[in-house]
Amino acid sequence: MKISARNTIKGTVKNVILGPVSAELTLRVAPGIDIVAVISTGSAKALKLKKGKKAYAVIKASSVMVATD
C-alpha cells in the first residue's frame, strides 16, 4: 500500500455497526486505545471489514484540536 497521508496507524477491527448509509468502525490500535471512524456502509462492505480483521486508520486533516482541563 502506498498513500500520501503520513499518519497511518495499524490496528484490529474491534466492532462494526452497519447502518443504511454509514457505518461506525472501532479500530483497536493499542491495548485500551481505540480509534472510531464513520465511513460509508458501501466502503465497509467493499473492504470486508469485520471483527478481528487487520486494518489501518489513515488520518489526514488540515487541523488537529488539542484541549486540556
Protein backbone atom coordinates (compact mmCIF):
# COMPACT_ATOMS: atom_id res chain seq x y z
CA MET A 1 0.00 0.00 0.00
CA LYS A 2 1.28 3.46 -0.89
CA ILE A 3 -0.52 6.54 0.36
CA SER A 4 0.30 10.23 0.70
CA ALA A 5 -1.02 10.57 4.26
CA ARG A 6 1.75 10.42 6.86
CA ASN A 7 -0.40 9.31 9.78
CA THR A 8 -1.25 5.64 9.31
CA ILE A 9 -1.90 3.57 12.41
CA LYS A 10 -2.23 -0.21 12.18
CA GLY A 11 -4.91 -1.87 14.28
CA THR A 12 -7.52 -4.58 14.55
CA VAL A 13 -11.24 -4.09 13.96
CA LYS A 14 -12.98 -4.27 17.33
CA ASN A 15 -16.53 -3.52 16.18
CA VAL A 16 -18.51 -2.55 13.08
CA ILE A 17 -22.04 -1.16 13.21
CA LEU A 18 -23.59 -1.05 9.74
CA GLY A 19 -26.34 1.45 9.03
CA PRO A 20 -28.26 2.04 5.81
CA VAL A 21 -25.87 4.79 4.68
CA SER A 22 -22.95 4.94 7.12
CA ALA A 23 -21.01 2.51 9.29
CA GLU A 24 -19.29 3.13 12.62
CA LEU A 25 -15.96 1.33 12.90
CA THR A 26 -13.92 0.89 16.07
CA LEU A 27 -10.26 0.08 15.49
CA ARG A 28 -8.09 -1.10 18.41
CA VAL A 29 -4.63 0.38 17.83
CA ALA A 30 -3.04 -0.44 21.21
CA PRO A 31 -4.22 -2.03 24.46
CA GLY A 32 -7.04 0.19 25.71
CA ILE A 33 -6.70 2.66 22.80
CA ASP A 34 -9.38 2.75 20.11
CA ILE A 35 -9.96 4.96 17.10
CA VAL A 36 -13.57 5.36 15.96
CA ALA A 37 -14.42 6.34 12.40
CA VAL A 38 -17.61 6.79 10.42
CA ILE A 39 -17.36 5.62 6.81
CA SER A 40 -19.92 4.74 4.17
CA THR A 41 -21.61 1.37 4.51
CA GLY A 42 -20.60 0.67 0.90
CA SER A 43 -16.93 1.20 1.79
CA ALA A 44 -17.20 -1.01 4.88
CA LYS A 45 -18.66 -3.80 2.76
CA ALA A 46 -16.13 -3.33 -0.06
CA LEU A 47 -13.27 -3.56 2.47
CA LYS A 48 -14.96 -6.61 4.06
CA LEU A 49 -14.49 -5.08 7.50
CA LYS A 50 -15.37 -7.39 10.36
CA LYS A 51 -14.27 -8.01 13.94
CA GLY A 52 -10.69 -9.26 14.13
CA LYS A 53 -9.60 -8.05 10.68
CA LYS A 54 -6.38 -6.04 10.44
CA ALA A 55 -6.86 -2.50 9.11
CA TYR A 56 -5.26 0.94 9.18
CA ALA A 57 -6.55 4.24 10.47
CA VAL A 58 -5.37 6.81 7.93
CA ILE A 59 -5.53 10.29 9.38
CA LYS A 60 -5.18 13.29 7.09
CA ALA A 61 -6.50 16.54 8.47
CA SER A 62 -5.87 20.20 7.87
CA SER A 63 -6.15 20.87 11.60
CA VAL A 64 -5.91 18.98 14.87
CA MET A 65 -7.53 20.34 18.01
CA VAL A 66 -5.86 20.00 21.42
CA ALA A 67 -7.58 20.63 24.77
CA THR A 68 -6.78 20.46 28.47
CA ASP A 69 -8.83 20.57 31.68
